[in-house]
Amino acid sequence: MIIGKIIGNVWATRKNDDLNGCKLMVVEPYEFEGHSKLYPVVAVDMIGAGVGETVLVVSGSSARLSVGSGAKPIDHAIVGIVDEIDLPT
């Protein structure tokens, strides 16, 4: 899983038919001390999250299964909105 912040939306008028009706969001993974920063990813929003919210993102087969049959061409899916992160210092 990835923890990140939604930084934008993606609109695509031409796309695979299996993606029709999917809300696409740009998620920037958080950078934690001692860990490398990842590039932003495009994720299907399954829960109605919005720009500026901190979210949980799954990838690979977990992402495909979270949107139904597992046959859609999806690499990342937003599956939770984070209320709080508590890391020991």
C-alpha atoms as a PDB file:
ATOM      1  CA  MET A   1       0.000   0.000   0.000  1.00  0.00           C
ATOM      2  CA  ILE A   2       0.981   3.590  -0.589  1.00  0.00           C
ATOM      3  CA  ILE A   3       0.035   6.602   1.543  1.00  0.00           C
ATOM      4  CA  GLY A   4      -0.246   9.765  -0.507  1.00  0.00           C
ATOM      5  CA  LYS A   5      -2.032  13.034  -1.146  1.00  0.00           C
ATOM      6  CA  ILE A   6      -4.418  13.619  -4.038  1.00  0.00           C
ATOM      7  CA  ILE A   7      -2.981  16.469  -6.071  1.00  0.00           C
ATOM      8  CA  GLY A   8      -5.277  16.487  -9.096  1.00  0.00           C
ATOM      9  CA  ASN A   9      -7.790  14.900 -11.438  1.00  0.00           C
ATOM     10  CA  VAL A  10      -7.340  13.206 -14.801  1.00  0.00           C
ATOM     11  CA  TRP A  11      -9.875  13.493 -17.625  1.00  0.00           C
ATOM     12  CA  ALA A  12      -9.545  11.194 -20.625  1.00  0.00           C
ATOM     13  CA  THR A  13     -12.266  11.294 -23.262  1.00  0.00           C
ATOM     14  CA  ARG A  14     -10.689   8.412 -25.170  1.00  0.00           C
ATOM     15  CA  LYS A  15      -9.768   5.409 -23.068  1.00  0.00           C
ATOM     16  CA  ASN A  16     -10.295   1.686 -22.721  1.00  0.00           C
ATOM     17  CA  ASP A  17     -14.030   0.952 -22.460  1.00  0.00           C
ATOM     18  CA  ASP A  18     -13.474  -0.813 -19.120  1.00  0.00           C
ATOM     19  CA  LEU A  19     -12.433   2.550 -17.626  1.00  0.00           C
ATOM     20  CA  ASN A  20     -15.711   4.297 -18.485  1.00  0.00           C
ATOM     21  CA  GLY A  21     -17.268   5.598 -15.291  1.00  0.00           C
ATOM     22  CA  CYS A  22     -13.996   5.418 -13.341  1.00  0.00           C
ATOM     23  CA  LYS A  23     -12.890   8.619 -11.569  1.00  0.00           C
ATOM     24  CA  LEU A  24      -9.136   9.058 -12.105  1.00  0.00           C
ATOM     25  CA  MET A  25      -7.037  10.994  -9.584  1.00  0.00           C
ATOM     26  CA  VAL A  26      -3.337  11.931  -9.401  1.00  0.00           C
ATOM     27  CA  VAL A  27      -1.793  10.801  -6.104  1.00  0.00           C
ATOM     28  CA  GLU A  28       1.623  11.943  -4.892  1.00  0.00           C
ATOM     29  CA  PRO A  29       3.099   9.378  -2.473  1.00  0.00           C
ATOM     30  CA  TYR A  30       4.294  10.825   0.833  1.00  0.00           C
ATOM     31  CA  GLU A  31       8.005  11.002   1.479  1.00  0.00           C
ATOM     32  CA  PHE A  32       8.988   9.704   4.895  1.00  0.00           C
ATOM     33  CA  GLU A  33      12.388  10.308   6.461  1.00  0.00           C
ATOM     34  CA  GLY A  34      14.913   7.811   5.165  1.00  0.00           C
ATOM     35  CA  HIS A  35      12.741   6.648   2.261  1.00  0.00           C
ATOM     36  CA  SER A  36      12.984   7.638  -1.378  1.00  0.00           C
ATOM     37  CA  LYS A  37      10.265   9.749  -2.976  1.00  0.00           C
ATOM     38  CA  LEU A  38       8.119   8.038  -5.587  1.00  0.00           C
ATOM     39  CA  TYR A  39       6.628   9.670  -8.677  1.00  0.00           C
ATOM     40  CA  PRO A  40       2.924  10.579  -8.650  1.00  0.00           C
ATOM     41  CA  VAL A  41       0.568   7.841  -9.849  1.00  0.00           C
ATOM     42  CA  VAL A  42      -2.860   7.847 -11.474  1.00  0.00           C
ATOM     43  CA  ALA A  43      -5.341   5.890  -9.372  1.00  0.00           C
ATOM     44  CA  VAL A  44      -9.002   4.969  -9.755  1.00  0.00           C
ATOM     45  CA  ASP A  45     -10.987   6.536  -6.910  1.00  0.00           C
ATOM     46  CA  MET A  46     -13.262   3.903  -5.345  1.00  0.00           C
ATOM     47  CA  ILE A  47     -14.490   5.927  -2.348  1.00  0.00           C
ATOM     48  CA  GLY A  48     -15.186   9.517  -3.390  1.00  0.00           C
ATOM     49  CA  ALA A  49     -11.961  11.135  -2.202  1.00  0.00           C
ATOM     50  CA  GLY A  50     -11.087  14.662  -3.260  1.00  0.00           C
ATOM     51  CA  VAL A  51      -8.095  16.839  -4.055  1.00  0.00           C
ATOM     52  CA  GLY A  52      -6.016  17.561  -0.959  1.00  0.00           C
ATOM     53  CA  GLU A  53      -7.040  14.431   0.955  1.00  0.00           C
ATOM     54  CA  THR A  54      -4.573  11.870   2.267  1.00  0.00           C
ATOM     55  CA  VAL A  55      -5.422   8.418   0.927  1.00  0.00           C
ATOM     56  CA  LEU A  56      -4.437   4.742   0.925  1.00  0.00           C
ATOM     57  CA  VAL A  57      -3.609   3.357  -2.507  1.00  0.00           C
ATOM     58  CA  VAL A  58      -3.246  -0.288  -3.508  1.00  0.00           C
ATOM     59  CA  SER A  59      -1.517  -1.466  -6.661  1.00  0.00           C
ATOM     60  CA  GLY A  60      -1.354  -4.438  -8.993  1.00  0.00           C
ATOM     61  CA  SER A  61      -3.864  -7.269  -8.616  1.00  0.00           C
ATOM     62  CA  SER A  62      -5.207  -5.731  -5.383  1.00  0.00           C
ATOM     63  CA  ALA A  63      -6.168  -2.604  -7.327  1.00  0.00           C
ATOM     64  CA  ARG A  64      -7.876  -4.589 -10.084  1.00  0.00           C
ATOM     65  CA  LEU A  65      -9.827  -6.698  -7.588  1.00  0.00           C
ATOM     66  CA  SER A  66     -10.963  -3.633  -5.639  1.00  0.00           C
ATOM     67  CA  VAL A  67     -12.912  -2.350  -8.659  1.00  0.00           C
ATOM     68  CA  GLY A  68     -14.779  -5.545  -9.463  1.00  0.00           C
ATOM     69  CA  SER A  69     -13.949  -8.545 -11.570  1.00  0.00           C
ATOM     70  CA  GLY A  70     -10.198  -8.005 -11.718  1.00  0.00           C
ATOM     71  CA  ALA A  71     -10.228  -7.748 -15.501  1.00  0.00           C
ATOM     72  CA  LYS A  72     -10.011  -3.937 -15.814  1.00  0.00           C
ATOM     73  CA  PRO A  73      -6.689  -2.348 -16.877  1.00  0.00           C
ATOM     74  CA  ILE A  74      -5.958  -0.696 -13.514  1.00  0.00           C
ATOM     75  CA  ASP A  75      -2.585  -0.390 -11.753  1.00  0.00           C
ATOM     76  CA  HIS A  76      -3.594   1.729  -8.722  1.00  0.00           C
ATOM     77  CA  ALA A  77      -6.838   2.211  -6.757  1.00  0.00           C
ATOM     78  CA  ILE A  78      -7.721   4.525  -3.883  1.00  0.00           C
ATOM     79  CA  VAL A  79      -9.284   2.364  -1.172  1.00  0.00           C
ATOM     80  CA  GLY A  80      -9.235   4.554   1.946  1.00  0.00           C
ATOM     81  CA  ILE A  81      -9.099   8.102   3.273  1.00  0.00           C
ATOM     82  CA  VAL A  82      -6.538   8.569   6.053  1.00  0.00           C
ATOM     83  CA  ASP A  83      -7.717  10.398   9.173  1.00  0.00           C
ATOM     84  CA  GLU A  84      -4.388  10.473  11.000  1.00  0.00           C
ATOM     85  CA  ILE A  85      -0.820   9.181  10.746  1.00  0.00           C
ATOM     86  CA  ASP A  86       1.147   8.603  13.948  1.00  0.00           C
ATOM     87  CA  LEU A  87       4.851   7.833  13.474  1.00  0.00           C
ATOM     88  CA  PRO A  88       7.200   7.505  16.443  1.00  0.00           C
ATOM     89  CA  THR A  89      10.077   9.978  16.389  1.00  0.00           C
END
